[in-house]
Amino acid sequence: MNQGPQGLISVGEILAYINQDRYLSLSEAVAYLNLSERTIRERLLEIPHFRVGSKLLFRKSELDAWLLRYRERSSEMDLGKIADEALEGILQPGRKL
């Protein structure tokens, strides 16, 4: 890797630092989660956070873990049934390929 003059950091290094697991303020958590401040405050009993005086801090990785609990997964799809239905639409009775 080519290094520039000593004391300079690359844009990549800056972006890596910004995206690392860090503490977010309430306003940053609101923006990161795309939730209202009211929703976050209402769920403080379940959202991992730190309180320093009146300031709330949230660790980014803990917000990610909390949010994953609300992930909805589609039910298992029956790929065979989907394929059969697709073929029925293509292969109508009496139709030849």
PDB file of N, CA and C in Angstrom:
ATOM      1  N   MET A   1       0.845  -1.176   0.000  1.00  0.00           N
ATOM      2  CA  MET A   1       0.000   0.000   0.000  1.00  0.00           C
ATOM      3  C   MET A   1       0.884   1.230   0.000  1.00  0.00           C
ATOM      4  N   ASN A   2       0.617   2.175  -0.870  1.00  0.00           N
ATOM      5  CA  ASN A   2       1.377   3.417  -0.927  1.00  0.00           C
ATOM      6  C   ASN A   2       0.950   4.337   0.202  1.00  0.00           C
ATOM      7  N   GLN A   3       1.892   4.818   0.928  1.00  0.00           N
ATOM      8  CA  GLN A   3       1.585   5.761   1.982  1.00  0.00           C
ATOM      9  C   GLN A   3       2.045   7.134   1.558  1.00  0.00           C
ATOM     10  N   GLY A   4       1.226   8.138   1.824  1.00  0.00           N
ATOM     11  CA  GLY A   4       1.574   9.508   1.502  1.00  0.00           C
ATOM     12  C   GLY A   4       2.521  10.059   2.544  1.00  0.00           C
ATOM     13  N   PRO A   5       2.706  11.345   2.507  1.00  0.00           N
ATOM     14  CA  PRO A   5       3.589  11.977   3.488  1.00  0.00           C
ATOM     15  C   PRO A   5       3.116  11.700   4.906  1.00  0.00           C
ATOM     16  N   GLN A   6       4.060  11.614   5.811  1.00  0.00           N
ATOM     17  CA  GLN A   6       3.740  11.314   7.206  1.00  0.00           C
ATOM     18  C   GLN A   6       2.803  12.384   7.765  1.00  0.00           C
ATOM     19  N   GLY A   7       1.828  11.948   8.540  1.00  0.00           N
ATOM     20  CA  GLY A   7       0.883  12.881   9.143  1.00  0.00           C
ATOM     21  C   GLY A   7      -0.414  13.020   8.352  1.00  0.00           C
ATOM     22  N   LEU A   8      -0.450  12.537   7.129  1.00  0.00           N
ATOM     23  CA  LEU A   8      -1.672  12.603   6.332  1.00  0.00           C
ATOM     24  C   LEU A   8      -2.418  11.285   6.443  1.00  0.00           C
ATOM     25  N   ILE A   9      -3.742  11.376   6.462  1.00  0.00           N
ATOM     26  CA  ILE A   9      -4.555  10.164   6.475  1.00  0.00           C
ATOM     27  C   ILE A   9      -5.431  10.169   5.235  1.00  0.00           C
ATOM     28  N   SER A  10      -5.767   8.995   4.800  1.00  0.00           N
ATOM     29  CA  SER A  10      -6.552   8.866   3.571  1.00  0.00           C
ATOM     30  C   SER A  10      -8.041   9.011   3.870  1.00  0.00           C
ATOM     31  N   VAL A  11      -8.792   9.284   2.822  1.00  0.00           N
ATOM     32  CA  VAL A  11     -10.246   9.358   2.944  1.00  0.00           C
ATOM     33  C   VAL A  11     -10.785   8.013   3.424  1.00  0.00           C
ATOM     34  N   GLY A  12     -10.214   6.917   2.930  1.00  0.00           N
ATOM     35  CA  GLY A  12     -10.640   5.582   3.359  1.00  0.00           C
ATOM     36  C   GLY A  12     -10.478   5.380   4.852  1.00  0.00           C
ATOM     37  N   GLU A  13      -9.380   5.864   5.400  1.00  0.00           N
ATOM     38  CA  GLU A  13      -9.146   5.749   6.844  1.00  0.00           C
ATOM     39  C   GLU A  13     -10.167   6.582   7.623  1.00  0.00           C
ATOM     40  N   ILE A  14     -10.498   7.749   7.114  1.00  0.00           N
ATOM     41  CA  ILE A  14     -11.492   8.599   7.773  1.00  0.00           C
ATOM     42  C   ILE A  14     -12.859   7.915   7.759  1.00  0.00           C
ATOM     43  N   LEU A  15     -13.244   7.362   6.614  1.00  0.00           N
ATOM     44  CA  LEU A  15     -14.539   6.678   6.510  1.00  0.00           C
ATOM     45  C   LEU A  15     -14.594   5.452   7.411  1.00  0.00           C
ATOM     46  N   ALA A  16     -13.492   4.705   7.491  1.00  0.00           N
ATOM     47  CA  ALA A  16     -13.451   3.532   8.371  1.00  0.00           C
ATOM     48  C   ALA A  16     -13.632   3.964   9.822  1.00  0.00           C
ATOM     49  N   TYR A  17     -13.017   5.055  10.200  1.00  0.00           N
ATOM     50  CA  TYR A  17     -13.142   5.555  11.579  1.00  0.00           C
ATOM     51  C   TYR A  17     -14.574   5.978  11.872  1.00  0.00           C
ATOM     52  N   ILE A  18     -15.181   6.669  10.923  1.00  0.00           N
ATOM     53  CA  ILE A  18     -16.552   7.148  11.123  1.00  0.00           C
ATOM     54  C   ILE A  18     -17.518   5.981  11.266  1.00  0.00           C
ATOM     55  N   ASN A  19     -17.297   4.911  10.509  1.00  0.00           N
ATOM     56  CA  ASN A  19     -18.231   3.790  10.502  1.00  0.00           C
ATOM     57  C   ASN A  19     -17.973   2.750  11.583  1.00  0.00           C
ATOM     58  N   GLN A  20     -16.902   2.894  12.333  1.00  0.00           N
ATOM     59  CA  GLN A  20     -16.626   1.903  13.364  1.00  0.00           C
ATOM     60  C   GLN A  20     -17.662   2.005  14.483  1.00  0.00           C
ATOM     61  N   ASP A  21     -17.675   1.024  15.339  1.00  0.00           N
ATOM     62  CA  ASP A  21     -18.624   1.005  16.449  1.00  0.00           C
ATOM     63  C   ASP A  21     -18.327   2.184  17.359  1.00  0.00           C
ATOM     64  N   ARG A  22     -19.253   3.111  17.405  1.00  0.00           N
ATOM     65  CA  ARG A  22     -19.046   4.301  18.214  1.00  0.00           C
ATOM     66  C   ARG A  22     -20.323   4.638  18.951  1.00  0.00           C
ATOM     67  N   TYR A  23     -20.254   5.630  19.801  1.00  0.00           N
ATOM     68  CA  TYR A  23     -21.412   6.069  20.563  1.00  0.00           C
ATOM     69  C   TYR A  23     -22.123   7.175  19.800  1.00  0.00           C
ATOM     70  N   LEU A  24     -23.440   7.067  19.749  1.00  0.00           N
ATOM     71  CA  LEU A  24     -24.257   8.047  19.042  1.00  0.00           C
ATOM     72  C   LEU A  24     -25.076   8.837  20.048  1.00  0.00           C
ATOM     73  N   SER A  25     -25.225  10.115  19.799  1.00  0.00           N
ATOM     74  CA  SER A  25     -26.123  10.938  20.609  1.00  0.00           C
ATOM     75  C   SER A  25     -27.558  10.567  20.254  1.00  0.00           C
ATOM     76  N   LEU A  26     -28.505  11.101  20.997  1.00  0.00           N
ATOM     77  CA  LEU A  26     -29.909  10.826  20.714  1.00  0.00           C
ATOM     78  C   LEU A  26     -30.274  11.285  19.297  1.00  0.00           C
ATOM     79  N   SER A  27     -29.841  12.469  18.915  1.00  0.00           N
ATOM     80  CA  SER A  27     -30.180  12.960  17.573  1.00  0.00           C
ATOM     81  C   SER A  27     -29.525  12.106  16.482  1.00  0.00           C
ATOM     82  N   GLU A  28     -28.320  11.604  16.735  1.00  0.00           N
ATOM     83  CA  GLU A  28     -27.672  10.711  15.763  1.00  0.00           C
ATOM     84  C   GLU A  28     -28.390   9.370  15.699  1.00  0.00           C
ATOM     85  N   ALA A  29     -28.848   8.867  16.852  1.00  0.00           N
ATOM     86  CA  ALA A  29     -29.584   7.604  16.885  1.00  0.00           C
ATOM     87  C   ALA A  29     -30.916   7.744  16.145  1.00  0.00           C
ATOM     88  N   VAL A  30     -31.569   8.884  16.302  1.00  0.00           N
ATOM     89  CA  VAL A  30     -32.812   9.156  15.584  1.00  0.00           C
ATOM     90  C   VAL A  30     -32.566   9.063  14.079  1.00  0.00           C
ATOM     91  N   ALA A  31     -31.512   9.720  13.612  1.00  0.00           N
ATOM     92  CA  ALA A  31     -31.193   9.706  12.183  1.00  0.00           C
ATOM     93  C   ALA A  31     -30.761   8.312  11.730  1.00  0.00           C
ATOM     94  N   TYR A  32     -29.946   7.632  12.539  1.00  0.00           N
ATOM     95  CA  TYR A  32     -29.426   6.314  12.162  1.00  0.00           C
ATOM     96  C   TYR A  32     -30.549   5.288  12.052  1.00  0.00           C
ATOM     97  N   LEU A  33     -31.473   5.288  13.010  1.00  0.00           N
ATOM     98  CA  LEU A  33     -32.556   4.307  13.018  1.00  0.00           C
ATOM     99  C   LEU A  33     -33.757   4.737  12.178  1.00  0.00           C
ATOM    100  N   ASN A  34     -33.778   6.008  11.790  1.00  0.00           N
ATOM    101  CA  ASN A  34     -34.913   6.559  11.061  1.00  0.00           C
ATOM    102  C   ASN A  34     -36.199   6.390  11.870  1.00  0.00           C
ATOM    103  N   LEU A  35     -36.086   6.632  13.168  1.00  0.00           N
ATOM    104  CA  LEU A  35     -37.228   6.612  14.074  1.00  0.00           C
ATOM    105  C   LEU A  35     -37.346   7.993  14.704  1.00  0.00           C
ATOM    106  N   SER A  36     -38.514   8.311  15.217  1.00  0.00           N
ATOM    107  CA  SER A  36     -38.684   9.609  15.869  1.00  0.00           C
ATOM    108  C   SER A  36     -38.028   9.579  17.251  1.00  0.00           C
ATOM    109  N   GLU A  37     -37.697  10.761  17.729  1.00  0.00           N
ATOM    110  CA  GLU A  37     -37.140  10.866  19.077  1.00  0.00           C
ATOM    111  C   GLU A  37     -38.147  10.332  20.096  1.00  0.00           C
ATOM    112  N   ARG A  38     -39.404  10.621  19.870  1.00  0.00           N
ATOM    113  CA  ARG A  38     -40.451  10.151  20.777  1.00  0.00           C
ATOM    114  C   ARG A  38     -40.468   8.619  20.858  1.00  0.00           C
ATOM    115  N   THR A  39     -40.377   7.954  19.704  1.00  0.00           N
ATOM    116  CA  THR A  39     -40.375   6.490  19.684  1.00  0.00           C
ATOM    117  C   THR A  39     -39.180   5.948  20.459  1.00  0.00           C
ATOM    118  N   ILE A  40     -38.022   6.530  20.245  1.00  0.00           N
ATOM    119  CA  ILE A  40     -36.833   6.060  20.953  1.00  0.00           C
ATOM    120  C   ILE A  40     -36.995   6.276  22.451  1.00  0.00           C
ATOM    121  N   ARG A  41     -37.468   7.447  22.850  1.00  0.00           N
ATOM    122  CA  ARG A  41     -37.658   7.714  24.287  1.00  0.00           C
ATOM    123  C   ARG A  41     -38.683   6.764  24.902  1.00  0.00           C
ATOM    124  N   GLU A  42     -39.738   6.443  24.166  1.00  0.00           N
ATOM    125  CA  GLU A  42     -40.767   5.522  24.669  1.00  0.00           C
ATOM    126  C   GLU A  42     -40.225   4.105  24.848  1.00  0.00           C
ATOM    127  N   ARG A  43     -39.170   3.757  24.121  1.00  0.00           N
ATOM    128  CA  ARG A  43     -38.626   2.396  24.162  1.00  0.00           C
ATOM    129  C   ARG A  43     -37.296   2.300  24.907  1.00  0.00           C
ATOM    130  N   LEU A  44     -36.989   3.296  25.714  1.00  0.00           N
ATOM    131  CA  LEU A  44     -35.702   3.292  26.417  1.00  0.00           C
ATOM    132  C   LEU A  44     -35.533   2.105  27.358  1.00  0.00           C
ATOM    133  N   LEU A  45     -36.634   1.518  27.809  1.00  0.00           N
ATOM    134  CA  LEU A  45     -36.512   0.342  28.679  1.00  0.00           C
ATOM    135  C   LEU A  45     -35.982  -0.868  27.918  1.00  0.00           C
ATOM    136  N   GLU A  46     -36.168  -0.887  26.599  1.00  0.00           N
ATOM    137  CA  GLU A  46     -35.704  -2.031  25.810  1.00  0.00           C
ATOM    138  C   GLU A  46     -34.499  -1.713  24.931  1.00  0.00           C
ATOM    139  N   ILE A  47     -34.235  -0.455  24.665  1.00  0.00           N
ATOM    140  CA  ILE A  47     -33.090  -0.077  23.831  1.00  0.00           C
ATOM    141  C   ILE A  47     -31.869   0.120  24.726  1.00  0.00           C
ATOM    142  N   PRO A  48     -30.787  -0.609  24.471  1.00  0.00           N
ATOM    143  CA  PRO A  48     -29.573  -0.426  25.281  1.00  0.00           C
ATOM    144  C   PRO A  48     -29.042   1.003  25.108  1.00  0.00           C
ATOM    145  N   HIS A  49     -28.747   1.645  26.223  1.00  0.00           N
ATOM    146  CA  HIS A  49     -28.249   3.017  26.160  1.00  0.00           C
ATOM    147  C   HIS A  49     -27.477   3.354  27.427  1.00  0.00           C
ATOM    148  N   PHE A  50     -26.807   4.466  27.386  1.00  0.00           N
ATOM    149  CA  PHE A  50     -26.086   5.004  28.532  1.00  0.00           C
ATOM    150  C   PHE A  50     -26.657   6.382  28.811  1.00  0.00           C
ATOM    151  N   ARG A  51     -26.700   6.740  30.074  1.00  0.00           N
ATOM    152  CA  ARG A  51     -27.148   8.077  30.439  1.00  0.00           C
ATOM    153  C   ARG A  51     -26.013   8.734  31.212  1.00  0.00           C
ATOM    154  N   VAL A  52     -25.518   9.822  30.666  1.00  0.00           N
ATOM    155  CA  VAL A  52     -24.474  10.598  31.327  1.00  0.00           C
ATOM    156  C   VAL A  52     -25.114  11.940  31.647  1.00  0.00           C
ATOM    157  N   GLY A  53     -25.489  12.094  32.919  1.00  0.00           N
ATOM    158  CA  GLY A  53     -26.270  13.281  33.280  1.00  0.00           C
ATOM    159  C   GLY A  53     -27.604  13.196  32.570  1.00  0.00           C
ATOM    160  N   SER A  54     -27.914  14.197  31.787  1.00  0.00           N
ATOM    161  CA  SER A  54     -29.174  14.177  31.029  1.00  0.00           C
ATOM    162  C   SER A  54     -28.954  13.732  29.583  1.00  0.00           C
ATOM    163  N   LYS A  55     -27.721  13.452  29.221  1.00  0.00           N
ATOM    164  CA  LYS A  55     -27.399  13.071  27.832  1.00  0.00           C
ATOM    165  C   LYS A  55     -27.530  11.563  27.658  1.00  0.00           C
ATOM    166  N   LEU A  56     -28.191  11.162  26.580  1.00  0.00           N
ATOM    167  CA  LEU A  56     -28.330   9.745  26.233  1.00  0.00           C
ATOM    168  C   LEU A  56     -27.313   9.405  25.160  1.00  0.00           C
ATOM    169  N   LEU A  57     -26.659   8.256  25.324  1.00  0.00           N
ATOM    170  CA  LEU A  57     -25.706   7.760  24.338  1.00  0.00           C
ATOM    171  C   LEU A  57     -26.077   6.333  23.970  1.00  0.00           C
ATOM    172  N   PHE A  58     -25.914   6.009  22.703  1.00  0.00           N
ATOM    173  CA  PHE A  58     -26.257   4.695  22.191  1.00  0.00           C
ATOM    174  C   PHE A  58     -25.067   4.151  21.424  1.00  0.00           C
ATOM    175  N   ARG A  59     -24.691   2.915  21.714  1.00  0.00           N
ATOM    176  CA  ARG A  59     -23.607   2.287  20.956  1.00  0.00           C
ATOM    177  C   ARG A  59     -24.195   1.754  19.656  1.00  0.00           C
ATOM    178  N   LYS A  60     -23.557   2.079  18.549  1.00  0.00           N
ATOM    179  CA  LYS A  60     -24.072   1.728  17.223  1.00  0.00           C
ATOM    180  C   LYS A  60     -24.332   0.230  17.097  1.00  0.00           C
ATOM    181  N   SER A  61     -23.401  -0.598  17.539  1.00  0.00           N
ATOM    182  CA  SER A  61     -23.561  -2.052  17.414  1.00  0.00           C
ATOM    183  C   SER A  61     -24.736  -2.561  18.249  1.00  0.00           C
ATOM    184  N   GLU A  62     -25.000  -1.929  19.387  1.00  0.00           N
ATOM    185  CA  GLU A  62     -26.132  -2.346  20.223  1.00  0.00           C
ATOM    186  C   GLU A  62     -27.460  -1.931  19.593  1.00  0.00           C
ATOM    187  N   LEU A  63     -27.474  -0.799  18.904  1.00  0.00           N
ATOM    188  CA  LEU A  63     -28.690  -0.405  18.174  1.00  0.00           C
ATOM    189  C   LEU A  63     -28.971  -1.390  17.048  1.00  0.00           C
ATOM    190  N   ASP A  64     -27.907  -1.811  16.355  1.00  0.00           N
ATOM    191  CA  ASP A  64     -28.072  -2.796  15.281  1.00  0.00           C
ATOM    192  C   ASP A  64     -28.650  -4.095  15.833  1.00  0.00           C
ATOM    193  N   ALA A  65     -28.115  -4.565  16.964  1.00  0.00           N
ATOM    194  CA  ALA A  65     -28.588  -5.811  17.572  1.00  0.00           C
ATOM    195  C   ALA A  65     -30.042  -5.673  18.022  1.00  0.00           C
ATOM    196  N   TRP A  66     -30.392  -4.541  18.605  1.00  0.00           N
ATOM    197  CA  TRP A  66     -31.765  -4.312  19.046  1.00  0.00           C
ATOM    198  C   TRP A  66     -32.713  -4.320  17.850  1.00  0.00           C
ATOM    199  N   LEU A  67     -32.313  -3.660  16.783  1.00  0.00           N
ATOM    200  CA  LEU A  67     -33.156  -3.569  15.605  1.00  0.00           C
ATOM    201  C   LEU A  67     -33.371  -4.936  14.953  1.00  0.00           C
ATOM    202  N   LEU A  68     -32.377  -5.804  15.022  1.00  0.00           N
ATOM    203  CA  LEU A  68     -32.505  -7.142  14.425  1.00  0.00           C
ATOM    204  C   LEU A  68     -33.624  -7.954  15.067  1.00  0.00           C
ATOM    205  N   ARG A  69     -33.965  -7.642  16.317  1.00  0.00           N
ATOM    206  CA  ARG A  69     -35.065  -8.365  16.964  1.00  0.00           C
ATOM    207  C   ARG A  69     -36.394  -8.111  16.264  1.00  0.00           C
ATOM    208  N   TYR A  70     -36.469  -7.037  15.503  1.00  0.00           N
ATOM    209  CA  TYR A  70     -37.707  -6.678  14.814  1.00  0.00           C
ATOM    210  C   TYR A  70     -37.683  -7.057  13.339  1.00  0.00           C
ATOM    211  N   ARG A  71     -36.668  -7.769  12.934  1.00  0.00           N
ATOM    212  CA  ARG A  71     -36.557  -8.164  11.535  1.00  0.00           C
ATOM    213  C   ARG A  71     -37.640  -9.178  11.203  1.00  0.00           C
ATOM    214  N   GLU A  72     -38.334  -8.926  10.139  1.00  0.00           N
ATOM    215  CA  GLU A  72     -39.365  -9.853   9.683  1.00  0.00           C
ATOM    216  C   GLU A  72     -38.799 -10.691   8.557  1.00  0.00           C
ATOM    217  N   ARG A  73     -38.943 -11.964   8.697  1.00  0.00           N
ATOM    218  CA  ARG A  73     -38.476 -12.880   7.660  1.00  0.00           C
ATOM    219  C   ARG A  73     -39.700 -13.424   6.949  1.00  0.00           C
ATOM    220  N   SER A  74     -39.578 -13.538   5.654  1.00  0.00           N
ATOM    221  CA  SER A  74     -40.685 -14.115   4.906  1.00  0.00           C
ATOM    222  C   SER A  74     -40.774 -15.594   5.256  1.00  0.00           C
ATOM    223  N   SER A  75     -41.968 -16.122   5.211  1.00  0.00           N
ATOM    224  CA  SER A  75     -42.129 -17.536   5.526  1.00  0.00           C
ATOM    225  C   SER A  75     -41.414 -18.355   4.465  1.00  0.00           C
ATOM    226  N   GLU A  76     -41.112 -19.566   4.821  1.00  0.00           N
ATOM    227  CA  GLU A  76     -40.401 -20.427   3.875  1.00  0.00           C
ATOM    228  C   GLU A  76     -41.232 -20.572   2.603  1.00  0.00           C
ATOM    229  N   MET A  77     -40.589 -20.305   1.516  1.00  0.00           N
ATOM    230  CA  MET A  77     -41.291 -20.414   0.242  1.00  0.00           C
ATOM    231  C   MET A  77     -41.160 -21.833  -0.291  1.00  0.00           C
ATOM    232  N   ASP A  78     -42.222 -22.320  -0.836  1.00  0.00           N
ATOM    233  CA  ASP A  78     -42.203 -23.623  -1.479  1.00  0.00           C
ATOM    234  C   ASP A  78     -41.778 -23.401  -2.923  1.00  0.00           C
ATOM    235  N   LEU A  79     -40.478 -23.555  -3.166  1.00  0.00           N
ATOM    236  CA  LEU A  79     -39.944 -23.281  -4.493  1.00  0.00           C
ATOM    237  C   LEU A  79     -40.548 -24.196  -5.551  1.00  0.00           C
ATOM    238  N   GLY A  80     -40.850 -25.431  -5.166  1.00  0.00           N
ATOM    239  CA  GLY A  80     -41.487 -26.356  -6.101  1.00  0.00           C
ATOM    240  C   GLY A  80     -42.846 -25.840  -6.540  1.00  0.00           C
ATOM    241  N   LYS A  81     -43.617 -25.332  -5.587  1.00  0.00           N
ATOM    242  CA  LYS A  81     -44.951 -24.812  -5.903  1.00  0.00           C
ATOM    243  C   LYS A  81     -44.838 -23.571  -6.794  1.00  0.00           C
ATOM    244  N   ILE A  82     -43.891 -22.703  -6.493  1.00  0.00           N
ATOM    245  CA  ILE A  82     -43.691 -21.506  -7.310  1.00  0.00           C
ATOM    246  C   ILE A  82     -43.321 -21.891  -8.740  1.00  0.00           C
ATOM    247  N   ALA A  83     -42.431 -22.878  -8.881  1.00  0.00           N
ATOM    248  CA  ALA A  83     -42.018 -23.327 -10.221  1.00  0.00           C
ATOM    249  C   ALA A  83     -43.195 -23.937 -10.971  1.00  0.00           C
ATOM    250  N   ASP A  84     -43.988 -24.759 -10.257  1.00  0.00           N
ATOM    251  CA  ASP A  84     -45.160 -25.374 -10.901  1.00  0.00           C
ATOM    252  C   ASP A  84     -46.134 -24.316 -11.397  1.00  0.00           C
ATOM    253  N   GLU A  85     -46.401 -23.286 -10.569  1.00  0.00           N
ATOM    254  CA  GLU A  85     -47.332 -22.237 -10.962  1.00  0.00           C
ATOM    255  C   GLU A  85     -46.786 -21.448 -12.152  1.00  0.00           C
ATOM    256  N   ALA A  86     -45.489 -21.214 -12.169  1.00  0.00           N
ATOM    257  CA  ALA A  86     -44.889 -20.497 -13.293  1.00  0.00           C
ATOM    258  C   ALA A  86     -45.011 -21.317 -14.577  1.00  0.00           C
ATOM    259  N   LEU A  87     -44.765 -22.622 -14.467  1.00  0.00           N
ATOM    260  CA  LEU A  87     -44.868 -23.485 -15.647  1.00  0.00           C
ATOM    261  C   LEU A  87     -46.301 -23.594 -16.136  1.00  0.00           C
ATOM    262  N   GLU A  88     -47.255 -23.612 -15.224  1.00  0.00           N
ATOM    263  CA  GLU A  88     -48.661 -23.670 -15.628  1.00  0.00           C
ATOM    264  C   GLU A  88     -49.029 -22.457 -16.458  1.00  0.00           C
ATOM    265  N   GLY A  89     -48.477 -21.314 -16.091  1.00  0.00           N
ATOM    266  CA  GLY A  89     -48.754 -20.101 -16.847  1.00  0.00           C
ATOM    267  C   GLY A  89     -48.142 -20.136 -18.229  1.00  0.00           C
ATOM    268  N   ILE A  90     -47.030 -20.832 -18.345  1.00  0.00           N
ATOM    269  CA  ILE A  90     -46.346 -20.919 -19.645  1.00  0.00           C
ATOM    270  C   ILE A  90     -46.906 -22.056 -20.480  1.00  0.00           C
ATOM    271  N   LEU A  91     -47.063 -23.213 -19.850  1.00  0.00           N
ATOM    272  CA  LEU A  91     -47.516 -24.416 -20.563  1.00  0.00           C
ATOM    273  C   LEU A  91     -49.018 -24.594 -20.390  1.00  0.00           C
ATOM    274  N   GLN A  92     -49.767 -23.854 -21.109  1.00  0.00           N
ATOM    275  CA  GLN A  92     -51.211 -24.000 -21.053  1.00  0.00           C
ATOM    276  C   GLN A  92     -51.598 -25.283 -21.772  1.00  0.00           C
ATOM    277  N   PRO A  93     -52.693 -25.913 -21.352  1.00  0.00           N
ATOM    278  CA  PRO A  93     -53.119 -27.182 -21.986  1.00  0.00           C
ATOM    279  C   PRO A  93     -53.193 -27.061 -23.500  1.00  0.00           C
ATOM    280  N   GLY A  94     -52.596 -28.026 -24.183  1.00  0.00           N
ATOM    281  CA  GLY A  94     -52.627 -28.057 -25.633  1.00  0.00           C
ATOM    282  C   GLY A  94     -51.551 -27.195 -26.287  1.00  0.00           C
ATOM    283  N   ARG A  95     -50.805 -26.454 -25.508  1.00  0.00           N
ATOM    284  CA  ARG A  95     -49.767 -25.582 -26.046  1.00  0.00           C
ATOM    285  C   ARG A  95     -48.455 -26.353 -26.114  1.00  0.00           C
ATOM    286  N   LYS A  96     -47.758 -26.272 -27.233  1.00  0.00           N
ATOM    287  CA  LYS A  96     -46.481 -26.959 -27.390  1.00  0.00           C
ATOM    288  C   LYS A  96     -45.363 -25.950 -27.354  1.00  0.00           C
ATOM    289  N   LEU A  97     -44.228 -26.374 -26.875  1.00  0.00           N
ATOM    290  CA  LEU A  97     -43.033 -25.517 -26.858  1.00  0.00           C
ATOM    291  C   LEU A  97     -42.313 -25.542 -28.158  1.00  0.00           C
TER     292      LEU A  97
END
